[in-house]
Amino acid sequence: MKKVYLIATFVAIIAGISTYLFASQIQKSTKIKDAPTSSVVVAVQPIKENTILTAEMFEVKLFTTVAVVPGSAAKMEDVVGKMNRYPIAAGEQVLVNKIISVGEKNVNVALSYELLPREYAYTITVDSVQGVAGFITRGDYVDVLFTSNDEQGNYKTEIILQDVYVLRLANNAANKIADAPNGQPITAYVEVTFKLSEEQIIKFSNYLAQGPVRLVLKPITTGENVTDIAS
């Protein structure tokens, strides 16, 4: 009789433990199920740095909000078509600060990221007259003029490049022009860097070998109608 009692007690204890574990699991599942969730873009494969990102490289998953890494991309549109500055591991939540838009002006990244395929950065040296007295700024468009003369001394000026995009200006603090409007000194840059195609670079270099060029500043609306070099 005592033996039967011990067995019954043991079975009851086991049943109680099982019931407790089952209930705990249900409670845990309920908590996870009821917790707020957020969409996160996750890499489905390892991605090396400086890769143009495509939809096949990612999937959107639901994570409990507390498990989402701050700054993670929430939609495919946040990453597709952009470039990752650093390697991304398979299964990693994609951080927005790891990717950039290629071909767009961005002061926080290297100049090379602003260039699309078949685009090149090309720099020339100018003085204040050639460079529009320091009024050219980054993001402007200019035309490039070249003046030549024949054996009879006849001068000919032609526009050798049109709607050239200005990527950078260098040595902005090198010189000051005294007679500026309203008595304000204008900073004179020394080097101007353009965005050019391969054909434009060759043409530009050939003319520079013959003599100096001169820049003329275009209206700010010029860029609205300029076709990208790579298109």
C-alpha atoms as a PDB file:
ATOM      1  CA  MET A   1       0.000   0.000   0.000  1.00  0.00           C
ATOM      2  CA  LYS A   2       2.844   2.299   0.897  1.00  0.00           C
ATOM      3  CA  LYS A   3       4.511   1.460  -2.412  1.00  0.00           C
ATOM      4  CA  VAL A   4       1.359   2.367  -4.367  1.00  0.00           C
ATOM      5  CA  TYR A   5       1.138   5.667  -2.480  1.00  0.00           C
ATOM      6  CA  LEU A   6       4.735   6.554  -3.338  1.00  0.00           C
ATOM      7  CA  ILE A   7       4.136   5.770  -6.991  1.00  0.00           C
ATOM      8  CA  ALA A   8       0.986   7.899  -7.052  1.00  0.00           C
ATOM      9  CA  THR A   9       2.830  10.753  -5.343  1.00  0.00           C
ATOM     10  CA  PHE A  10       5.696  10.528  -7.860  1.00  0.00           C
ATOM     11  CA  VAL A  11       3.272  10.538 -10.800  1.00  0.00           C
ATOM     12  CA  ALA A  12       1.487  13.556  -9.360  1.00  0.00           C
ATOM     13  CA  ILE A  13       4.756  15.426  -8.977  1.00  0.00           C
ATOM     14  CA  ILE A  14       5.772  14.634 -12.576  1.00  0.00           C
ATOM     15  CA  ALA A  15       2.333  15.711 -13.809  1.00  0.00           C
ATOM     16  CA  GLY A  16       2.593  18.940 -11.845  1.00  0.00           C
ATOM     17  CA  ILE A  17       6.027  19.743 -13.257  1.00  0.00           C
ATOM     18  CA  SER A  18       4.832  18.965 -16.797  1.00  0.00           C
ATOM     19  CA  THR A  19       1.783  21.172 -16.353  1.00  0.00           C
ATOM     20  CA  TYR A  20       3.953  24.019 -15.043  1.00  0.00           C
ATOM     21  CA  LEU A  21       6.393  23.763 -17.948  1.00  0.00           C
ATOM     22  CA  PHE A  22       3.540  23.622 -20.457  1.00  0.00           C
ATOM     23  CA  ALA A  23       1.861  26.647 -18.916  1.00  0.00           C
ATOM     24  CA  SER A  24       5.148  28.571 -18.854  1.00  0.00           C
ATOM     25  CA  GLN A  25       5.713  27.820 -22.518  1.00  0.00           C
ATOM     26  CA  ILE A  26       2.224  29.035 -23.394  1.00  0.00           C
ATOM     27  CA  GLN A  27       2.802  32.203 -21.392  1.00  0.00           C
ATOM     28  CA  LYS A  28       6.138  32.786 -23.109  1.00  0.00           C
ATOM     29  CA  SER A  29       4.608  32.201 -26.535  1.00  0.00           C
ATOM     30  CA  THR A  30       1.758  34.515 -25.727  1.00  0.00           C
ATOM     31  CA  LYS A  31       4.134  37.259 -24.677  1.00  0.00           C
ATOM     32  CA  ILE A  32       6.150  36.951 -27.913  1.00  0.00           C
ATOM     33  CA  LYS A  33       2.989  36.799 -29.978  1.00  0.00           C
ATOM     34  CA  ASP A  34       1.503  39.851 -28.328  1.00  0.00           C
ATOM     35  CA  ALA A  35       4.729  41.906 -28.411  1.00  0.00           C
ATOM     36  CA  PRO A  36       4.900  44.750 -30.977  1.00  0.00           C
ATOM     37  CA  THR A  37       6.817  43.883 -34.122  1.00  0.00           C
ATOM     38  CA  SER A  38       8.645  45.834 -36.815  1.00  0.00           C
ATOM     39  CA  SER A  39       9.688  45.095 -40.381  1.00  0.00           C
ATOM     40  CA  VAL A  40      13.440  44.826 -40.969  1.00  0.00           C
ATOM     41  CA  VAL A  41      15.484  44.323 -44.141  1.00  0.00           C
ATOM     42  CA  VAL A  42      17.829  41.358 -43.661  1.00  0.00           C
ATOM     43  CA  ALA A  43      20.605  40.136 -45.960  1.00  0.00           C
ATOM     44  CA  VAL A  44      20.103  36.604 -47.302  1.00  0.00           C
ATOM     45  CA  GLN A  45      23.742  36.290 -48.397  1.00  0.00           C
ATOM     46  CA  PRO A  46      27.146  37.768 -47.571  1.00  0.00           C
ATOM     47  CA  ILE A  47      27.702  41.039 -49.446  1.00  0.00           C
ATOM     48  CA  LYS A  48      31.157  42.529 -49.927  1.00  0.00           C
ATOM     49  CA  GLU A  49      31.672  46.267 -49.624  1.00  0.00           C
ATOM     50  CA  ASN A  50      31.048  48.637 -52.550  1.00  0.00           C
ATOM     51  CA  THR A  51      28.358  46.431 -54.103  1.00  0.00           C
ATOM     52  CA  ILE A  52      25.316  47.803 -55.915  1.00  0.00           C
ATOM     53  CA  LEU A  53      22.465  46.283 -53.904  1.00  0.00           C
ATOM     54  CA  THR A  54      19.658  44.326 -55.590  1.00  0.00           C
ATOM     55  CA  ALA A  55      16.377  42.913 -54.304  1.00  0.00           C
ATOM     56  CA  GLU A  56      17.654  39.306 -54.547  1.00  0.00           C
ATOM     57  CA  MET A  57      20.174  40.006 -51.789  1.00  0.00           C
ATOM     58  CA  PHE A  58      17.565  40.764 -49.122  1.00  0.00           C
ATOM     59  CA  GLU A  59      14.274  39.842 -47.545  1.00  0.00           C
ATOM     60  CA  VAL A  60      11.961  41.691 -45.172  1.00  0.00           C
ATOM     61  CA  LYS A  61      11.365  39.970 -41.839  1.00  0.00           C
ATOM     62  CA  LEU A  62       9.241  40.736 -38.788  1.00  0.00           C
ATOM     63  CA  PHE A  63      11.180  41.109 -35.541  1.00  0.00           C
ATOM     64  CA  THR A  64       9.925  41.996 -32.110  1.00  0.00           C
ATOM     65  CA  THR A  65      10.560  45.716 -31.897  1.00  0.00           C
ATOM     66  CA  VAL A  66      12.987  45.351 -29.000  1.00  0.00           C
ATOM     67  CA  ALA A  67      15.134  43.049 -31.163  1.00  0.00           C
ATOM     68  CA  VAL A  68      15.465  45.549 -34.011  1.00  0.00           C
ATOM     69  CA  VAL A  69      18.885  47.190 -34.225  1.00  0.00           C
ATOM     70  CA  PRO A  70      18.440  50.993 -34.158  1.00  0.00           C
ATOM     71  CA  GLY A  71      18.940  52.492 -37.610  1.00  0.00           C
ATOM     72  CA  SER A  72      17.955  49.358 -39.533  1.00  0.00           C
ATOM     73  CA  ALA A  73      16.237  49.669 -42.920  1.00  0.00           C
ATOM     74  CA  ALA A  74      12.525  48.869 -42.826  1.00  0.00           C
ATOM     75  CA  LYS A  75      11.688  48.622 -46.550  1.00  0.00           C
ATOM     76  CA  MET A  76      13.356  47.162 -49.633  1.00  0.00           C
ATOM     77  CA  GLU A  77      13.266  50.628 -51.205  1.00  0.00           C
ATOM     78  CA  ASP A  78      15.621  51.791 -48.465  1.00  0.00           C
ATOM     79  CA  VAL A  79      18.437  49.596 -49.806  1.00  0.00           C
ATOM     80  CA  VAL A  80      17.814  48.466 -53.402  1.00  0.00           C
ATOM     81  CA  GLY A  81      19.825  50.424 -55.961  1.00  0.00           C
ATOM     82  CA  LYS A  82      22.206  51.794 -53.346  1.00  0.00           C
ATOM     83  CA  MET A  83      25.749  50.749 -52.398  1.00  0.00           C
ATOM     84  CA  ASN A  84      27.064  49.345 -49.124  1.00  0.00           C
ATOM     85  CA  ARG A  85      30.159  51.045 -47.754  1.00  0.00           C
ATOM     86  CA  TYR A  86      31.001  48.087 -45.518  1.00  0.00           C
ATOM     87  CA  PRO A  87      30.604  44.273 -45.753  1.00  0.00           C
ATOM     88  CA  ILE A  88      27.194  42.867 -44.762  1.00  0.00           C
ATOM     89  CA  ALA A  89      26.897  39.342 -43.320  1.00  0.00           C
ATOM     90  CA  ALA A  90      24.136  36.884 -44.184  1.00  0.00           C
ATOM     91  CA  GLY A  91      21.263  37.298 -41.723  1.00  0.00           C
ATOM     92  CA  GLU A  92      22.429  40.770 -40.697  1.00  0.00           C
ATOM     93  CA  GLN A  93      19.929  43.577 -40.272  1.00  0.00           C
ATOM     94  CA  VAL A  94      20.911  46.239 -42.794  1.00  0.00           C
ATOM     95  CA  LEU A  95      21.856  49.548 -41.199  1.00  0.00           C
ATOM     96  CA  VAL A  96      21.003  52.664 -43.155  1.00  0.00           C
ATOM     97  CA  ASN A  97      24.315  54.285 -42.250  1.00  0.00           C
ATOM     98  CA  LYS A  98      26.141  51.408 -43.985  1.00  0.00           C
ATOM     99  CA  ILE A  99      24.670  52.249 -47.384  1.00  0.00           C
ATOM    100  CA  ILE A 100      24.715  55.318 -49.617  1.00  0.00           C
ATOM    101  CA  SER A 101      23.090  56.574 -52.791  1.00  0.00           C
ATOM    102  CA  VAL A 102      25.558  56.413 -55.655  1.00  0.00           C
ATOM    103  CA  GLY A 103      25.931  59.397 -57.961  1.00  0.00           C
ATOM    104  CA  GLU A 104      24.433  61.892 -55.516  1.00  0.00           C
ATOM    105  CA  LYS A 105      26.180  64.744 -53.743  1.00  0.00           C
ATOM    106  CA  ASN A 106      27.221  63.663 -50.263  1.00  0.00           C
ATOM    107  CA  VAL A 107      29.831  65.505 -48.215  1.00  0.00           C
ATOM    108  CA  ASN A 108      30.248  62.576 -45.834  1.00  0.00           C
ATOM    109  CA  VAL A 109      31.654  60.092 -48.354  1.00  0.00           C
ATOM    110  CA  ALA A 110      34.556  59.925 -50.785  1.00  0.00           C
ATOM    111  CA  LEU A 111      34.225  61.690 -54.115  1.00  0.00           C
ATOM    112  CA  SER A 112      34.296  58.373 -55.990  1.00  0.00           C
ATOM    113  CA  TYR A 113      30.847  57.495 -54.553  1.00  0.00           C
ATOM    114  CA  GLU A 114      29.364  60.483 -56.385  1.00  0.00           C
ATOM    115  CA  LEU A 115      30.371  59.041 -59.740  1.00  0.00           C
ATOM    116  CA  LEU A 116      28.257  56.626 -61.750  1.00  0.00           C
ATOM    117  CA  PRO A 117      29.734  54.079 -64.176  1.00  0.00           C
ATOM    118  CA  ARG A 118      31.532  55.788 -67.083  1.00  0.00           C
ATOM    119  CA  GLU A 119      31.832  59.054 -65.146  1.00  0.00           C
ATOM    120  CA  TYR A 120      35.182  60.537 -64.123  1.00  0.00           C
ATOM    121  CA  ALA A 121      36.459  63.385 -61.961  1.00  0.00           C
ATOM    122  CA  TYR A 122      38.755  65.759 -63.844  1.00  0.00           C
ATOM    123  CA  THR A 123      40.579  68.746 -62.334  1.00  0.00           C
ATOM    124  CA  ILE A 124      42.010  71.890 -63.928  1.00  0.00           C
ATOM    125  CA  THR A 125      43.788  74.911 -62.503  1.00  0.00           C
ATOM    126  CA  VAL A 126      42.235  78.347 -63.037  1.00  0.00           C
ATOM    127  CA  ASP A 127      42.936  81.912 -62.031  1.00  0.00           C
ATOM    128  CA  SER A 128      40.292  84.395 -60.926  1.00  0.00           C
ATOM    129  CA  VAL A 129      39.470  85.487 -64.491  1.00  0.00           C
ATOM    130  CA  GLN A 130      39.261  81.965 -65.897  1.00  0.00           C
ATOM    131  CA  GLY A 131      37.211  80.866 -62.895  1.00  0.00           C
ATOM    132  CA  VAL A 132      34.510  83.600 -62.944  1.00  0.00           C
ATOM    133  CA  ALA A 133      36.127  85.577 -60.111  1.00  0.00           C
ATOM    134  CA  GLY A 134      35.380  82.962 -57.492  1.00  0.00           C
ATOM    135  CA  PHE A 135      31.612  82.864 -58.025  1.00  0.00           C
ATOM    136  CA  ILE A 136      31.469  79.209 -59.101  1.00  0.00           C
ATOM    137  CA  THR A 137      30.239  76.884 -56.366  1.00  0.00           C
ATOM    138  CA  ARG A 138      29.934  73.149 -55.974  1.00  0.00           C
ATOM    139  CA  GLY A 139      26.950  71.813 -57.912  1.00  0.00           C
ATOM    140  CA  ASP A 140      27.027  74.568 -60.552  1.00  0.00           C
ATOM    141  CA  TYR A 141      27.153  73.970 -64.303  1.00  0.00           C
ATOM    142  CA  VAL A 142      29.640  75.733 -66.567  1.00  0.00           C
ATOM    143  CA  ASP A 143      30.543  75.939 -70.242  1.00  0.00           C
ATOM    144  CA  VAL A 144      34.205  75.731 -71.218  1.00  0.00           C
ATOM    145  CA  LEU A 145      35.596  78.206 -73.769  1.00  0.00           C
ATOM    146  CA  PHE A 146      38.802  77.983 -75.796  1.00  0.00           C
ATOM    147  CA  THR A 147      40.326  80.791 -77.856  1.00  0.00           C
ATOM    148  CA  SER A 148      42.823  80.124 -80.634  1.00  0.00           C
ATOM    149  CA  ASN A 149      44.462  82.243 -83.316  1.00  0.00           C
ATOM    150  CA  ASP A 150      45.706  81.374 -86.773  1.00  0.00           C
ATOM    151  CA  GLU A 151      48.892  82.431 -88.577  1.00  0.00           C
ATOM    152  CA  GLN A 152      47.254  85.668 -89.669  1.00  0.00           C
ATOM    153  CA  GLY A 153      46.487  86.571 -86.055  1.00  0.00           C
ATOM    154  CA  ASN A 154      42.768  85.972 -86.315  1.00  0.00           C
ATOM    155  CA  TYR A 155      41.206  84.855 -83.045  1.00  0.00           C
ATOM    156  CA  LYS A 156      38.496  82.265 -82.796  1.00  0.00           C
ATOM    157  CA  THR A 157      36.565  81.402 -79.609  1.00  0.00           C
ATOM    158  CA  GLU A 158      34.497  78.247 -79.357  1.00  0.00           C
ATOM    159  CA  ILE A 159      32.565  76.425 -76.676  1.00  0.00           C
ATOM    160  CA  ILE A 160      34.369  73.095 -76.370  1.00  0.00           C
ATOM    161  CA  LEU A 161      32.213  71.636 -73.564  1.00  0.00           C
ATOM    162  CA  GLN A 162      28.713  72.530 -72.429  1.00  0.00           C
ATOM    163  CA  ASP A 163      26.801  72.022 -69.176  1.00  0.00           C
ATOM    164  CA  VAL A 164      29.754  70.592 -67.269  1.00  0.00           C
ATOM    165  CA  TYR A 165      28.941  69.718 -63.641  1.00  0.00           C
ATOM    166  CA  VAL A 166      31.233  71.074 -60.911  1.00  0.00           C
ATOM    167  CA  LEU A 167      32.042  68.392 -58.343  1.00  0.00           C
ATOM    168  CA  ARG A 168      34.560  70.170 -56.109  1.00  0.00           C
ATOM    169  CA  LEU A 169      36.505  73.380 -55.620  1.00  0.00           C
ATOM    170  CA  ALA A 170      39.927  73.284 -53.988  1.00  0.00           C
ATOM    171  CA  ASN A 171      42.119  75.804 -52.147  1.00  0.00           C
ATOM    172  CA  ASN A 172      39.103  77.952 -51.315  1.00  0.00           C
ATOM    173  CA  ALA A 173      41.061  79.988 -48.782  1.00  0.00           C
ATOM    174  CA  ALA A 174      44.140  80.505 -50.953  1.00  0.00           C
ATOM    175  CA  ASN A 175      43.583  84.092 -52.134  1.00  0.00           C
ATOM    176  CA  LYS A 176      41.312  87.063 -51.610  1.00  0.00           C
ATOM    177  CA  ILE A 177      40.047  89.408 -54.316  1.00  0.00           C
ATOM    178  CA  ALA A 178      40.107  92.988 -53.040  1.00  0.00           C
ATOM    179  CA  ASP A 179      37.587  94.735 -55.273  1.00  0.00           C
ATOM    180  CA  ALA A 180      34.538  92.536 -54.604  1.00  0.00           C
ATOM    181  CA  PRO A 181      30.888  93.703 -54.596  1.00  0.00           C
ATOM    182  CA  ASN A 182      29.757  95.524 -51.434  1.00  0.00           C
ATOM    183  CA  GLY A 183      33.301  95.485 -50.162  1.00  0.00           C
ATOM    184  CA  GLN A 184      33.117  91.767 -49.349  1.00  0.00           C
ATOM    185  CA  PRO A 185      36.185  89.720 -50.298  1.00  0.00           C
ATOM    186  CA  ILE A 186      35.590  86.758 -52.587  1.00  0.00           C
ATOM    187  CA  THR A 187      37.485  83.555 -51.983  1.00  0.00           C
ATOM    188  CA  ALA A 188      39.465  82.534 -55.058  1.00  0.00           C
ATOM    189  CA  TYR A 189      39.754  78.810 -55.677  1.00  0.00           C
ATOM    190  CA  VAL A 190      42.688  77.399 -57.573  1.00  0.00           C
ATOM    191  CA  GLU A 191      41.456  73.994 -58.775  1.00  0.00           C
ATOM    192  CA  VAL A 192      38.040  73.104 -60.167  1.00  0.00           C
ATOM    193  CA  THR A 193      37.005  69.451 -60.454  1.00  0.00           C
ATOM    194  CA  PHE A 194      34.394  68.439 -63.020  1.00  0.00           C
ATOM    195  CA  LYS A 195      32.300  65.350 -63.739  1.00  0.00           C
ATOM    196  CA  LEU A 196      33.122  64.228 -67.277  1.00  0.00           C
ATOM    197  CA  SER A 197      32.784  61.298 -69.636  1.00  0.00           C
ATOM    198  CA  GLU A 198      35.810  59.588 -71.166  1.00  0.00           C
ATOM    199  CA  GLU A 199      35.242  61.376 -74.477  1.00  0.00           C
ATOM    200  CA  GLN A 200      35.015  64.747 -72.727  1.00  0.00           C
ATOM    201  CA  ILE A 201      38.248  64.100 -70.812  1.00  0.00           C
ATOM    202  CA  ILE A 202      40.150  63.363 -74.027  1.00  0.00           C
ATOM    203  CA  LYS A 203      38.734  66.442 -75.757  1.00  0.00           C
ATOM    204  CA  PHE A 204      39.435  68.649 -72.731  1.00  0.00           C
ATOM    205  CA  SER A 205      43.033  67.409 -72.422  1.00  0.00           C
ATOM    206  CA  ASN A 206      43.726  68.008 -76.121  1.00  0.00           C
ATOM    207  CA  TYR A 207      42.587  71.623 -75.866  1.00  0.00           C
ATOM    208  CA  LEU A 208      44.496  72.243 -72.622  1.00  0.00           C
ATOM    209  CA  ALA A 209      47.672  71.086 -74.351  1.00  0.00           C
ATOM    210  CA  GLN A 210      47.203  73.984 -76.788  1.00  0.00           C
ATOM    211  CA  GLY A 211      46.484  76.691 -74.249  1.00  0.00           C
ATOM    212  CA  PRO A 212      44.341  77.849 -71.323  1.00  0.00           C
ATOM    213  CA  VAL A 213      40.555  77.599 -71.208  1.00  0.00           C
ATOM    214  CA  ARG A 214      37.959  79.850 -69.642  1.00  0.00           C
ATOM    215  CA  LEU A 215      34.855  78.897 -67.673  1.00  0.00           C
ATOM    216  CA  VAL A 216      31.482  80.620 -67.937  1.00  0.00           C
ATOM    217  CA  LEU A 217      28.838  80.100 -65.278  1.00  0.00           C
ATOM    218  CA  LYS A 218      25.420  78.742 -66.340  1.00  0.00           C
ATOM    219  CA  PRO A 219      21.990  79.424 -64.744  1.00  0.00           C
ATOM    220  CA  ILE A 220      21.139  77.168 -61.820  1.00  0.00           C
ATOM    221  CA  THR A 221      18.250  75.657 -63.817  1.00  0.00           C
ATOM    222  CA  THR A 222      20.681  74.211 -66.376  1.00  0.00           C
ATOM    223  CA  GLY A 223      20.987  70.927 -64.520  1.00  0.00           C
ATOM    224  CA  GLU A 224      17.279  70.155 -64.869  1.00  0.00           C
ATOM    225  CA  ASN A 225      17.707  69.432 -68.565  1.00  0.00           C
ATOM    226  CA  VAL A 226      21.142  67.832 -68.564  1.00  0.00           C
ATOM    227  CA  THR A 227      21.237  64.131 -69.370  1.00  0.00           C
ATOM    228  CA  ASP A 228      23.451  61.977 -67.143  1.00  0.00           C
ATOM    229  CA  ILE A 229      26.663  60.830 -68.816  1.00  0.00           C
ATOM    230  CA  ALA A 230      25.952  57.193 -67.996  1.00  0.00           C
ATOM    231  CA  SER A 231      22.425  57.107 -69.448  1.00  0.00           C
END
